Structure formats: C-alpha cells, structure tokens
Amino acid sequence: NKIIIKMAEKGVACNVHYKPLPMMTA
C-alpha cells in the first residue's frame, strides 16, 4: 500500500485487483 501511495505522489495512479471476496463484509 505504501508503494501505491508513493507512485501516486510521483504522478502515477495504480490499483489493486482484487481484495478476495472472503475479506469483504458482505
């Protein structure tokens, strides 16, 4: 997550695909 934030600070938007479904509240 810190690497993703660092990339954003440098001007590059990244993402995560995906948080596994069993980690989701629903």
PDB file of all heavy atoms in Angstrom:
ATOM      1  N   ASN A   1       0.820  -1.210   0.000  1.00  0.00           N
ATOM      2  CA  ASN A   1       0.000   0.000   0.000  1.00  0.00           C
ATOM      3  C   ASN A   1       0.858   1.265   0.000  1.00  0.00           C
ATOM      4  O   ASN A   1       0.514   2.261  -0.653  1.00  0.00           O
ATOM      5  CB  ASN A   1      -0.942  -0.001   1.201  1.00  0.00           C
ATOM      6  CG  ASN A   1      -2.013  -1.072   1.093  1.00  0.00           C
ATOM      7  OD1 ASN A   1      -2.279  -1.595   0.009  1.00  0.00           O
ATOM      8  ND2 ASN A   1      -2.638  -1.408   2.211  1.00  0.00           N
ATOM      9  N   LYS A   2       1.972   1.222   0.696  1.00  0.00           N
ATOM     10  CA  LYS A   2       2.879   2.379   0.712  1.00  0.00           C
ATOM     11  C   LYS A   2       3.503   2.614  -0.666  1.00  0.00           C
ATOM     12  O   LYS A   2       3.700   3.765  -1.082  1.00  0.00           O
ATOM     13  CB  LYS A   2       3.975   2.165   1.763  1.00  0.00           C
ATOM     14  CG  LYS A   2       3.486   2.285   3.208  1.00  0.00           C
ATOM     15  CD  LYS A   2       4.617   2.038   4.189  1.00  0.00           C
ATOM     16  CE  LYS A   2       4.131   2.191   5.630  1.00  0.00           C
ATOM     17  NZ  LYS A   2       5.212   1.909   6.619  1.00  0.00           N
ATOM     18  N   ILE A   3       3.807   1.542  -1.372  1.00  0.00           N
ATOM     19  CA  ILE A   3       4.353   1.670  -2.728  1.00  0.00           C
ATOM     20  C   ILE A   3       3.318   2.332  -3.644  1.00  0.00           C
ATOM     21  O   ILE A   3       3.651   3.207  -4.459  1.00  0.00           O
ATOM     22  CB  ILE A   3       4.769   0.291  -3.284  1.00  0.00           C
ATOM     23  CG1 ILE A   3       5.966  -0.252  -2.496  1.00  0.00           C
ATOM     24  CG2 ILE A   3       5.119   0.380  -4.775  1.00  0.00           C
ATOM     25  CD1 ILE A   3       6.312  -1.696  -2.804  1.00  0.00           C
ATOM     26  N   ILE A   4       2.057   1.944  -3.494  1.00  0.00           N
ATOM     27  CA  ILE A   4       0.991   2.547  -4.302  1.00  0.00           C
ATOM     28  C   ILE A   4       0.863   4.040  -3.992  1.00  0.00           C
ATOM     29  O   ILE A   4       0.703   4.870  -4.909  1.00  0.00           O
ATOM     30  CB  ILE A   4      -0.345   1.813  -4.055  1.00  0.00           C
ATOM     31  CG1 ILE A   4      -0.283   0.396  -4.643  1.00  0.00           C
ATOM     32  CG2 ILE A   4      -1.517   2.588  -4.659  1.00  0.00           C
ATOM     33  CD1 ILE A   4      -1.478  -0.468  -4.328  1.00  0.00           C
ATOM     34  N   ILE A   5       0.961   4.395  -2.717  1.00  0.00           N
ATOM     35  CA  ILE A   5       0.901   5.813  -2.329  1.00  0.00           C
ATOM     36  C   ILE A   5       2.097   6.565  -2.904  1.00  0.00           C
ATOM     37  O   ILE A   5       1.960   7.684  -3.427  1.00  0.00           O
ATOM     38  CB  ILE A   5       0.854   5.951  -0.792  1.00  0.00           C
ATOM     39  CG1 ILE A   5      -0.474   5.411  -0.251  1.00  0.00           C
ATOM     40  CG2 ILE A   5       1.043   7.409  -0.374  1.00  0.00           C
ATOM     41  CD1 ILE A   5      -0.527   5.274   1.257  1.00  0.00           C
ATOM     42  N   LYS A   6       3.271   5.959  -2.841  1.00  0.00           N
ATOM     43  CA  LYS A   6       4.479   6.594  -3.382  1.00  0.00           C
ATOM     44  C   LYS A   6       4.336   6.816  -4.886  1.00  0.00           C
ATOM     45  O   LYS A   6       4.729   7.872  -5.406  1.00  0.00           O
ATOM     46  CB  LYS A   6       5.699   5.723  -3.089  1.00  0.00           C
ATOM     47  CG  LYS A   6       7.018   6.295  -3.575  1.00  0.00           C
ATOM     48  CD  LYS A   6       7.335   7.648  -2.961  1.00  0.00           C
ATOM     49  CE  LYS A   6       7.597   7.563  -1.470  1.00  0.00           C
ATOM     50  NZ  LYS A   6       8.008   8.879  -0.916  1.00  0.00           N
ATOM     51  N   MET A   7       3.774   5.844  -5.589  1.00  0.00           N
ATOM     52  CA  MET A   7       3.543   6.003  -7.027  1.00  0.00           C
ATOM     53  C   MET A   7       2.588   7.167  -7.299  1.00  0.00           C
ATOM     54  O   MET A   7       2.801   7.966  -8.229  1.00  0.00           O
ATOM     55  CB  MET A   7       2.966   4.708  -7.613  1.00  0.00           C
ATOM     56  CG  MET A   7       3.946   3.553  -7.685  1.00  0.00           C
ATOM     57  SD  MET A   7       5.193   3.768  -8.975  1.00  0.00           S
ATOM     58  CE  MET A   7       4.236   3.399 -10.445  1.00  0.00           C
ATOM     59  N   ALA A   8       1.564   7.291  -6.474  1.00  0.00           N
ATOM     60  CA  ALA A   8       0.612   8.392  -6.638  1.00  0.00           C
ATOM     61  C   ALA A   8       1.290   9.742  -6.416  1.00  0.00           C
ATOM     62  O   ALA A   8       1.022  10.718  -7.132  1.00  0.00           O
ATOM     63  CB  ALA A   8      -0.565   8.214  -5.683  1.00  0.00           C
ATOM     64  N   GLU A   9       2.161   9.794  -5.421  1.00  0.00           N
ATOM     65  CA  GLU A   9       2.894  11.033  -5.146  1.00  0.00           C
ATOM     66  C   GLU A   9       3.789  11.420  -6.324  1.00  0.00           C
ATOM     67  O   GLU A   9       4.028  12.601  -6.586  1.00  0.00           O
ATOM     68  CB  GLU A   9       3.729  10.872  -3.878  1.00  0.00           C
ATOM     69  CG  GLU A   9       2.891  10.784  -2.612  1.00  0.00           C
ATOM     70  CD  GLU A   9       3.712  10.419  -1.384  1.00  0.00           C
ATOM     71  OE1 GLU A   9       4.899  10.034  -1.561  1.00  0.00           O
ATOM     72  OE2 GLU A   9       3.178  10.495  -0.257  1.00  0.00           O
ATOM     73  N   LYS A  10       4.265  10.419  -7.045  1.00  0.00           N
ATOM     74  CA  LYS A  10       5.115  10.673  -8.207  1.00  0.00           C
ATOM     75  C   LYS A  10       4.301  10.991  -9.464  1.00  0.00           C
ATOM     76  O   LYS A  10       4.861  11.365 -10.500  1.00  0.00           O
ATOM     77  CB  LYS A  10       6.010   9.455  -8.466  1.00  0.00           C
ATOM     78  CG  LYS A  10       7.065   9.199  -7.386  1.00  0.00           C
ATOM     79  CD  LYS A  10       7.840   7.917  -7.670  1.00  0.00           C
ATOM     80  CE  LYS A  10       8.871   7.638  -6.585  1.00  0.00           C
ATOM     81  NZ  LYS A  10       9.968   8.628  -6.579  1.00  0.00           N
ATOM     82  N   GLY A  11       2.978  10.807  -9.375  1.00  0.00           N
ATOM     83  CA  GLY A  11       2.120  11.142 -10.507  1.00  0.00           C
ATOM     84  C   GLY A  11       1.569   9.969 -11.282  1.00  0.00           C
ATOM     85  O   GLY A  11       1.092  10.129 -12.408  1.00  0.00           O
ATOM     86  N   VAL A  12       1.613   8.765 -10.686  1.00  0.00           N
ATOM     87  CA  VAL A  12       1.111   7.572 -11.373  1.00  0.00           C
ATOM     88  C   VAL A  12       0.053   6.888 -10.506  1.00  0.00           C
ATOM     89  O   VAL A  12       0.347   6.442  -9.391  1.00  0.00           O
ATOM     90  CB  VAL A  12       2.244   6.569 -11.678  1.00  0.00           C
ATOM     91  CG1 VAL A  12       1.680   5.335 -12.386  1.00  0.00           C
ATOM     92  CG2 VAL A  12       3.323   7.218 -12.534  1.00  0.00           C
ATOM     93  N   ALA A  13      -1.155   6.796 -11.013  1.00  0.00           N
ATOM     94  CA  ALA A  13      -2.233   6.123 -10.291  1.00  0.00           C
ATOM     95  C   ALA A  13      -2.155   4.617 -10.532  1.00  0.00           C
ATOM     96  O   ALA A  13      -2.097   4.165 -11.678  1.00  0.00           O
ATOM     97  CB  ALA A  13      -3.584   6.653 -10.749  1.00  0.00           C
ATOM     98  N   CYS A  14      -2.135   3.850  -9.460  1.00  0.00           N
ATOM     99  CA  CYS A  14      -2.129   2.387  -9.537  1.00  0.00           C
ATOM    100  C   CYS A  14      -3.375   1.850  -8.849  1.00  0.00           C
ATOM    101  O   CYS A  14      -4.169   2.601  -8.281  1.00  0.00           O
ATOM    102  CB  CYS A  14      -0.868   1.816  -8.889  1.00  0.00           C
ATOM    103  SG  CYS A  14       0.667   2.320  -9.700  1.00  0.00           S
ATOM    104  N   ASN A  15      -3.542   0.552  -8.866  1.00  0.00           N
ATOM    105  CA  ASN A  15      -4.727  -0.061  -8.293  1.00  0.00           C
ATOM    106  C   ASN A  15      -4.369  -1.441  -7.759  1.00  0.00           C
ATOM    107  O   ASN A  15      -3.233  -1.907  -7.914  1.00  0.00           O
ATOM    108  CB  ASN A  15      -5.827  -0.165  -9.354  1.00  0.00           C
ATOM    109  CG  ASN A  15      -7.219  -0.036  -8.775  1.00  0.00           C
ATOM    110  OD1 ASN A  15      -7.484  -0.472  -7.653  1.00  0.00           O
ATOM    111  ND2 ASN A  15      -8.124   0.565  -9.536  1.00  0.00           N
ATOM    112  N   VAL A  16      -5.347  -2.100  -7.139  1.00  0.00           N
ATOM    113  CA  VAL A  16      -5.198  -3.479  -6.680  1.00  0.00           C
ATOM    114  C   VAL A  16      -6.372  -4.286  -7.236  1.00  0.00           C
ATOM    115  O   VAL A  16      -7.524  -3.873  -7.135  1.00  0.00           O
ATOM    116  CB  VAL A  16      -5.180  -3.564  -5.135  1.00  0.00           C
ATOM    117  CG1 VAL A  16      -5.219  -5.023  -4.682  1.00  0.00           C
ATOM    118  CG2 VAL A  16      -3.960  -2.860  -4.572  1.00  0.00           C
ATOM    119  N   HIS A  17      -6.089  -5.426  -7.825  1.00  0.00           N
ATOM    120  CA  HIS A  17      -7.121  -6.326  -8.351  1.00  0.00           C
ATOM    121  C   HIS A  17      -6.834  -7.743  -7.849  1.00  0.00           C
ATOM    122  O   HIS A  17      -5.946  -8.381  -8.376  1.00  0.00           O
ATOM    123  CB  HIS A  17      -7.112  -6.328  -9.874  1.00  0.00           C
ATOM    124  CG  HIS A  17      -7.541  -5.054 -10.505  1.00  0.00           C
ATOM    125  ND1 HIS A  17      -6.694  -3.980 -10.657  1.00  0.00           N
ATOM    126  CD2 HIS A  17      -8.732  -4.659 -11.020  1.00  0.00           C
ATOM    127  CE1 HIS A  17      -7.322  -2.989 -11.250  1.00  0.00           C
ATOM    128  NE2 HIS A  17      -8.571  -3.378 -11.481  1.00  0.00           N
ATOM    129  N   TYR A  18      -7.566  -8.233  -6.920  1.00  0.00           N
ATOM    130  CA  TYR A  18      -8.625  -7.653  -6.130  1.00  0.00           C
ATOM    131  C   TYR A  18      -8.404  -8.040  -4.678  1.00  0.00           C
ATOM    132  O   TYR A  18      -7.641  -8.965  -4.400  1.00  0.00           O
ATOM    133  CB  TYR A  18      -9.996  -8.217  -6.542  1.00  0.00           C
ATOM    134  CG  TYR A  18     -10.467  -7.800  -7.903  1.00  0.00           C
ATOM    135  CD1 TYR A  18     -10.344  -8.652  -8.998  1.00  0.00           C
ATOM    136  CD2 TYR A  18     -11.063  -6.550  -8.112  1.00  0.00           C
ATOM    137  CE1 TYR A  18     -10.784  -8.269 -10.249  1.00  0.00           C
ATOM    138  CE2 TYR A  18     -11.521  -6.170  -9.352  1.00  0.00           C
ATOM    139  CZ  TYR A  18     -11.368  -7.032 -10.419  1.00  0.00           C
ATOM    140  OH  TYR A  18     -11.792  -6.646 -11.651  1.00  0.00           O
ATOM    141  N   LYS A  19      -9.131  -7.394  -3.777  1.00  0.00           N
ATOM    142  CA  LYS A  19      -9.229  -7.935  -2.425  1.00  0.00           C
ATOM    143  C   LYS A  19     -10.140  -9.157  -2.510  1.00  0.00           C
ATOM    144  O   LYS A  19     -11.272  -9.066  -3.007  1.00  0.00           O
ATOM    145  CB  LYS A  19      -9.828  -6.897  -1.473  1.00  0.00           C
ATOM    146  CG  LYS A  19      -9.952  -7.401  -0.044  1.00  0.00           C
ATOM    147  CD  LYS A  19     -10.566  -6.360   0.879  1.00  0.00           C
ATOM    148  CE  LYS A  19      -9.560  -5.303   1.272  1.00  0.00           C
ATOM    149  NZ  LYS A  19     -10.092  -4.428   2.347  1.00  0.00           N
ATOM    150  N   PRO A  20      -9.686 -10.336  -2.084  1.00  0.00           N
ATOM    151  CA  PRO A  20     -10.504 -11.550  -2.218  1.00  0.00           C
ATOM    152  C   PRO A  20     -11.874 -11.388  -1.564  1.00  0.00           C
ATOM    153  O   PRO A  20     -12.019 -10.721  -0.530  1.00  0.00           O
ATOM    154  CB  PRO A  20      -9.668 -12.617  -1.504  1.00  0.00           C
ATOM    155  CG  PRO A  20      -8.259 -12.126  -1.638  1.00  0.00           C
ATOM    156  CD  PRO A  20      -8.356 -10.634  -1.516  1.00  0.00           C
ATOM    157  N   LEU A  21     -12.869 -12.014  -2.150  1.00  0.00           N
ATOM    158  CA  LEU A  21     -14.243 -11.853  -1.665  1.00  0.00           C
ATOM    159  C   LEU A  21     -14.417 -12.221  -0.195  1.00  0.00           C
ATOM    160  O   LEU A  21     -15.182 -11.546   0.517  1.00  0.00           O
ATOM    161  CB  LEU A  21     -15.198 -12.685  -2.531  1.00  0.00           C
ATOM    162  CG  LEU A  21     -15.331 -12.262  -3.995  1.00  0.00           C
ATOM    163  CD1 LEU A  21     -16.393 -13.113  -4.685  1.00  0.00           C
ATOM    164  CD2 LEU A  21     -15.670 -10.786  -4.125  1.00  0.00           C
ATOM    165  N   PRO A  22     -13.752 -13.275   0.319  1.00  0.00           N
ATOM    166  CA  PRO A  22     -13.964 -13.611   1.736  1.00  0.00           C
ATOM    167  C   PRO A  22     -13.485 -12.530   2.704  1.00  0.00           C
ATOM    168  O   PRO A  22     -13.790 -12.603   3.894  1.00  0.00           O
ATOM    169  CB  PRO A  22     -13.152 -14.896   1.916  1.00  0.00           C
ATOM    170  CG  PRO A  22     -13.069 -15.494   0.550  1.00  0.00           C
ATOM    171  CD  PRO A  22     -12.959 -14.314  -0.366  1.00  0.00           C
ATOM    172  N   MET A  23     -12.755 -11.529   2.225  1.00  0.00           N
ATOM    173  CA  MET A  23     -12.319 -10.424   3.073  1.00  0.00           C
ATOM    174  C   MET A  23     -13.353  -9.296   3.111  1.00  0.00           C
ATOM    175  O   MET A  23     -13.211  -8.349   3.894  1.00  0.00           O
ATOM    176  CB  MET A  23     -10.975  -9.867   2.576  1.00  0.00           C
ATOM    177  CG  MET A  23      -9.825 -10.850   2.665  1.00  0.00           C
ATOM    178  SD  MET A  23      -8.289 -10.170   2.005  1.00  0.00           S
ATOM    179  CE  MET A  23      -7.917  -8.900   3.231  1.00  0.00           C
ATOM    180  N   MET A  24     -14.368  -9.390   2.264  1.00  0.00           N
ATOM    181  CA  MET A  24     -15.395  -8.349   2.162  1.00  0.00           C
ATOM    182  C   MET A  24     -16.538  -8.621   3.138  1.00  0.00           C
ATOM    183  O   MET A  24     -16.948  -9.766   3.338  1.00  0.00           O
ATOM    184  CB  MET A  24     -15.947  -8.288   0.735  1.00  0.00           C
ATOM    185  CG  MET A  24     -14.913  -7.990  -0.328  1.00  0.00           C
ATOM    186  SD  MET A  24     -14.271  -6.300  -0.164  1.00  0.00           S
ATOM    187  CE  MET A  24     -13.383  -6.162  -1.720  1.00  0.00           C
ATOM    188  N   THR A  25     -17.077  -7.542   3.704  1.00  0.00           N
ATOM    189  CA  THR A  25     -18.123  -7.656   4.722  1.00  0.00           C
ATOM    190  C   THR A  25     -19.305  -8.499   4.263  1.00  0.00           C
ATOM    191  O   THR A  25     -19.803  -9.364   4.999  1.00  0.00           O
ATOM    192  CB  THR A  25     -18.623  -6.255   5.129  1.00  0.00           C
ATOM    193  OG1 THR A  25     -17.532  -5.508   5.657  1.00  0.00           O
ATOM    194  CG2 THR A  25     -19.724  -6.345   6.174  1.00  0.00           C
ATOM    195  N   ALA A  26     -19.772  -8.250   3.028  1.00  0.00           N
ATOM    196  CA  ALA A  26     -20.957  -8.961   2.537  1.00  0.00           C
ATOM    197  C   ALA A  26     -20.756 -10.469   2.569  1.00  0.00           C
ATOM    198  O   ALA A  26     -21.671 -11.222   2.933  1.00  0.00           O
ATOM    199  CB  ALA A  26     -21.286  -8.508   1.113  1.00  0.00           C
TER     200      ALA A  26
END
